[in-house]
Amino acid sequence: MQSTFGIAAFRSRTQVLRLEDALRRAGLEAGIISTPREVAMGCGLSVRFSLAQTPQVLHIYRRLNPGALVGFYRVDHYGTRQMRLTPLRLG
């Protein structure tokens, strides 16, 4: 089974919680997940969001300006062991 979603990885758990809370308050679907191993640095947690909501997520991120960002990524997950991460262009 394949699933595709976006994540925002941070170096700070506090920033993960701030962004996830801001997204939920804005009515967007968001959750907290373990950061994939492929993202070598960070606090171990990331904010998960729907790729369809990327423009809104980026708008809220820029307005909140939480800092400590590692990056935004597209996650393509195939089955239980295969995953591909692609950095999202923020332009």
N, C-alpha and C. Protein backbone atom coordinates (compact mmCIF):
# COMPACT_ATOMS: atom_id res chain seq x y z
N MET A 1 0.83 -1.17 0.00
CA MET A 1 0.00 0.00 0.00
C MET A 1 0.89 1.25 0.00
N GLN A 2 0.54 2.24 -0.79
CA GLN A 2 1.32 3.46 -0.91
C GLN A 2 0.60 4.61 -0.23
N SER A 3 1.35 5.42 0.47
CA SER A 3 0.80 6.66 1.00
C SER A 3 1.80 7.78 0.75
N THR A 4 1.29 8.96 0.51
CA THR A 4 2.12 10.12 0.22
C THR A 4 1.64 11.27 1.10
N PHE A 5 2.59 11.95 1.72
CA PHE A 5 2.25 13.06 2.59
C PHE A 5 3.47 13.96 2.73
N GLY A 6 3.29 15.08 3.39
CA GLY A 6 4.39 16.00 3.63
C GLY A 6 4.75 16.01 5.09
N ILE A 7 6.02 16.36 5.38
CA ILE A 7 6.45 16.54 6.76
C ILE A 7 7.27 17.82 6.86
N ALA A 8 7.23 18.40 8.03
CA ALA A 8 8.10 19.50 8.40
C ALA A 8 8.94 19.00 9.56
N ALA A 9 10.26 18.90 9.34
CA ALA A 9 11.17 18.39 10.37
C ALA A 9 11.88 19.56 11.04
N PHE A 10 11.98 19.49 12.36
CA PHE A 10 12.59 20.55 13.15
C PHE A 10 13.68 19.98 14.05
N ARG A 11 14.55 20.86 14.54
CA ARG A 11 15.57 20.49 15.52
C ARG A 11 15.01 20.54 16.95
N SER A 12 13.84 21.12 17.12
CA SER A 12 13.27 21.35 18.44
C SER A 12 11.86 20.80 18.54
N ARG A 13 11.60 20.01 19.57
CA ARG A 13 10.25 19.49 19.79
C ARG A 13 9.25 20.61 20.03
N THR A 14 9.70 21.68 20.68
CA THR A 14 8.82 22.82 20.93
C THR A 14 8.30 23.40 19.63
N GLN A 15 9.16 23.50 18.63
CA GLN A 15 8.75 24.06 17.34
C GLN A 15 7.79 23.11 16.61
N VAL A 16 8.00 21.81 16.75
CA VAL A 16 7.08 20.83 16.18
C VAL A 16 5.68 21.05 16.77
N LEU A 17 5.62 21.16 18.08
CA LEU A 17 4.34 21.34 18.76
C LEU A 17 3.69 22.67 18.39
N ARG A 18 4.47 23.73 18.26
CA ARG A 18 3.91 25.03 17.88
C ARG A 18 3.29 25.00 16.49
N LEU A 19 4.01 24.42 15.52
CA LEU A 19 3.48 24.38 14.15
C LEU A 19 2.26 23.48 14.07
N GLU A 20 2.32 22.33 14.69
CA GLU A 20 1.17 21.40 14.65
C GLU A 20 -0.06 22.06 15.25
N ASP A 21 0.10 22.76 16.36
CA ASP A 21 -1.02 23.46 17.00
C ASP A 21 -1.57 24.56 16.09
N ALA A 22 -0.69 25.33 15.47
CA ALA A 22 -1.13 26.41 14.58
C ALA A 22 -1.89 25.86 13.37
N LEU A 23 -1.44 24.74 12.83
CA LEU A 23 -2.12 24.14 11.68
C LEU A 23 -3.51 23.65 12.07
N ARG A 24 -3.61 23.00 13.20
CA ARG A 24 -4.92 22.51 13.67
C ARG A 24 -5.88 23.66 13.95
N ARG A 25 -5.37 24.73 14.56
CA ARG A 25 -6.23 25.89 14.84
C ARG A 25 -6.71 26.54 13.55
N ALA A 26 -5.95 26.39 12.47
CA ALA A 26 -6.35 26.94 11.17
C ALA A 26 -7.28 25.99 10.42
N GLY A 27 -7.61 24.84 11.03
CA GLY A 27 -8.53 23.90 10.41
C GLY A 27 -7.88 22.91 9.45
N LEU A 28 -6.56 22.80 9.49
CA LEU A 28 -5.86 21.87 8.61
C LEU A 28 -5.61 20.56 9.33
N GLU A 29 -5.53 19.48 8.56
CA GLU A 29 -5.19 18.18 9.13
C GLU A 29 -3.70 18.16 9.38
N ALA A 30 -3.31 17.85 10.59
CA ALA A 30 -1.90 17.79 10.95
C ALA A 30 -1.73 16.80 12.09
N GLY A 31 -0.57 16.22 12.16
CA GLY A 31 -0.25 15.30 13.24
C GLY A 31 1.24 15.29 13.49
N ILE A 32 1.63 14.62 14.53
CA ILE A 32 3.04 14.51 14.87
C ILE A 32 3.45 13.06 14.67
N ILE A 33 4.57 12.87 13.94
CA ILE A 33 5.08 11.53 13.67
C ILE A 33 6.57 11.48 13.99
N SER A 34 7.09 10.28 14.07
CA SER A 34 8.55 10.12 14.20
C SER A 34 9.20 10.53 12.90
N THR A 35 10.26 11.29 12.99
CA THR A 35 10.98 11.73 11.80
C THR A 35 11.63 10.52 11.13
N PRO A 36 11.47 10.36 9.82
CA PRO A 36 12.12 9.25 9.14
C PRO A 36 13.65 9.30 9.30
N ARG A 37 14.27 8.14 9.36
CA ARG A 37 15.73 8.04 9.51
C ARG A 37 16.49 8.77 8.42
N GLU A 38 15.88 8.90 7.26
CA GLU A 38 16.55 9.55 6.14
C GLU A 38 16.82 11.03 6.40
N VAL A 39 16.10 11.62 7.35
CA VAL A 39 16.38 12.99 7.77
C VAL A 39 17.33 12.84 8.96
N ALA A 40 18.61 13.01 8.70
CA ALA A 40 19.65 12.64 9.66
C ALA A 40 19.66 13.49 10.93
N MET A 41 19.20 14.72 10.86
CA MET A 41 19.26 15.57 12.05
C MET A 41 17.86 15.93 12.50
N GLY A 42 17.76 16.43 13.69
CA GLY A 42 16.47 16.86 14.19
C GLY A 42 16.19 16.30 15.56
N CYS A 43 15.01 16.58 16.05
CA CYS A 43 14.62 16.20 17.41
C CYS A 43 13.97 14.83 17.46
N GLY A 44 13.71 14.23 16.30
CA GLY A 44 13.07 12.92 16.27
C GLY A 44 11.58 12.97 15.99
N LEU A 45 11.00 14.18 15.96
CA LEU A 45 9.58 14.34 15.65
C LEU A 45 9.40 15.30 14.49
N SER A 46 8.35 15.09 13.72
CA SER A 46 8.01 15.98 12.60
C SER A 46 6.51 16.20 12.57
N VAL A 47 6.11 17.26 11.90
CA VAL A 47 4.70 17.54 11.68
C VAL A 47 4.32 16.91 10.34
N ARG A 48 3.28 16.09 10.36
CA ARG A 48 2.78 15.46 9.13
C ARG A 48 1.58 16.25 8.63
N PHE A 49 1.52 16.45 7.30
CA PHE A 49 0.40 17.18 6.71
C PHE A 49 0.11 16.65 5.33
N SER A 50 -1.08 16.95 4.82
CA SER A 50 -1.49 16.56 3.48
C SER A 50 -0.75 17.42 2.46
N LEU A 51 -0.22 16.80 1.42
CA LEU A 51 0.47 17.57 0.38
C LEU A 51 -0.46 18.56 -0.30
N ALA A 52 -1.74 18.26 -0.36
CA ALA A 52 -2.70 19.18 -0.97
C ALA A 52 -2.78 20.49 -0.19
N GLN A 53 -2.39 20.46 1.08
CA GLN A 53 -2.45 21.63 1.93
C GLN A 53 -1.10 22.36 2.04
N THR A 54 -0.13 21.99 1.22
CA THR A 54 1.21 22.57 1.32
C THR A 54 1.20 24.10 1.26
N PRO A 55 0.49 24.75 0.33
CA PRO A 55 0.51 26.21 0.33
C PRO A 55 0.03 26.83 1.64
N GLN A 56 -1.04 26.27 2.23
CA GLN A 56 -1.54 26.78 3.49
C GLN A 56 -0.55 26.52 4.62
N VAL A 57 0.08 25.35 4.61
CA VAL A 57 1.08 25.01 5.64
C VAL A 57 2.25 25.98 5.57
N LEU A 58 2.72 26.25 4.37
CA LEU A 58 3.85 27.17 4.21
C LEU A 58 3.47 28.58 4.65
N HIS A 59 2.25 29.00 4.35
CA HIS A 59 1.78 30.33 4.77
C HIS A 59 1.79 30.43 6.30
N ILE A 60 1.26 29.43 6.96
CA ILE A 60 1.22 29.43 8.42
C ILE A 60 2.63 29.34 9.00
N TYR A 61 3.48 28.53 8.40
CA TYR A 61 4.87 28.43 8.86
C TYR A 61 5.56 29.79 8.77
N ARG A 62 5.41 30.46 7.65
CA ARG A 62 6.06 31.77 7.47
C ARG A 62 5.51 32.81 8.45
N ARG A 63 4.22 32.77 8.69
CA ARG A 63 3.61 33.71 9.63
C ARG A 63 4.08 33.43 11.07
N LEU A 64 4.17 32.15 11.41
CA LEU A 64 4.58 31.74 12.76
C LEU A 64 6.09 31.92 12.95
N ASN A 65 6.86 31.64 11.90
CA ASN A 65 8.32 31.76 11.91
C ASN A 65 8.94 31.08 13.14
N PRO A 66 8.70 29.77 13.31
CA PRO A 66 9.14 29.10 14.53
C PRO A 66 10.65 28.87 14.63
N GLY A 67 11.38 28.93 13.54
CA GLY A 67 12.82 28.66 13.60
C GLY A 67 13.11 27.18 13.78
N ALA A 68 14.39 26.84 13.83
CA ALA A 68 14.88 25.47 14.05
C ALA A 68 14.41 24.48 12.99
N LEU A 69 14.07 24.96 11.80
CA LEU A 69 13.58 24.08 10.74
C LEU A 69 14.73 23.28 10.12
N VAL A 70 14.54 21.99 9.98
CA VAL A 70 15.45 21.14 9.22
C VAL A 70 15.04 21.19 7.76
N GLY A 71 13.73 21.04 7.48
CA GLY A 71 13.24 21.12 6.12
C GLY A 71 11.84 20.57 5.97
N PHE A 72 11.26 20.87 4.80
CA PHE A 72 9.97 20.32 4.40
C PHE A 72 10.25 19.22 3.39
N TYR A 73 9.55 18.08 3.52
CA TYR A 73 9.79 16.93 2.65
C TYR A 73 8.48 16.31 2.20
N ARG A 74 8.54 15.73 1.00
CA ARG A 74 7.47 14.86 0.50
C ARG A 74 7.90 13.44 0.85
N VAL A 75 6.99 12.70 1.44
CA VAL A 75 7.27 11.31 1.83
C VAL A 75 6.40 10.40 0.98
N ASP A 76 7.05 9.52 0.23
CA ASP A 76 6.35 8.47 -0.51
C ASP A 76 6.66 7.17 0.21
N HIS A 77 5.63 6.57 0.79
CA HIS A 77 5.80 5.38 1.62
C HIS A 77 5.18 4.20 0.91
N TYR A 78 5.97 3.18 0.66
CA TYR A 78 5.51 1.98 -0.03
C TYR A 78 5.60 0.80 0.92
N GLY A 79 4.48 0.30 1.35
CA GLY A 79 4.49 -0.85 2.24
C GLY A 79 5.08 -0.52 3.60
N THR A 80 5.72 -1.50 4.21
CA THR A 80 6.22 -1.29 5.57
C THR A 80 7.68 -0.89 5.64
N ARG A 81 8.44 -1.09 4.58
CA ARG A 81 9.88 -0.86 4.69
C ARG A 81 10.46 0.09 3.66
N GLN A 82 9.74 0.44 2.66
CA GLN A 82 10.29 1.25 1.60
C GLN A 82 9.73 2.67 1.67
N MET A 83 10.65 3.64 1.68
CA MET A 83 10.25 5.04 1.81
C MET A 83 11.19 5.88 0.97
N ARG A 84 10.62 6.93 0.36
CA ARG A 84 11.44 7.89 -0.39
C ARG A 84 11.11 9.28 0.10
N LEU A 85 12.13 10.06 0.40
CA LEU A 85 11.97 11.45 0.83
C LEU A 85 12.49 12.36 -0.25
N THR A 86 11.72 13.41 -0.56
CA THR A 86 12.11 14.41 -1.53
C THR A 86 11.91 15.77 -0.89
N PRO A 87 12.96 16.63 -0.87
CA PRO A 87 12.76 17.97 -0.32
C PRO A 87 11.70 18.72 -1.11
N LEU A 88 10.84 19.46 -0.41
CA LEU A 88 9.82 20.27 -1.07
C LEU A 88 10.43 21.63 -1.42
N ARG A 89 10.10 22.12 -2.59
CA ARG A 89 10.53 23.45 -2.98
C ARG A 89 9.62 24.48 -2.33
N LEU A 90 10.22 25.43 -1.66
CA LEU A 90 9.43 26.40 -0.91
C LEU A 90 9.15 27.66 -1.68
N GLY A 91 9.67 27.75 -2.91
CA GLY A 91 9.57 28.93 -3.74
C GLY A 91 8.23 29.40 -4.04
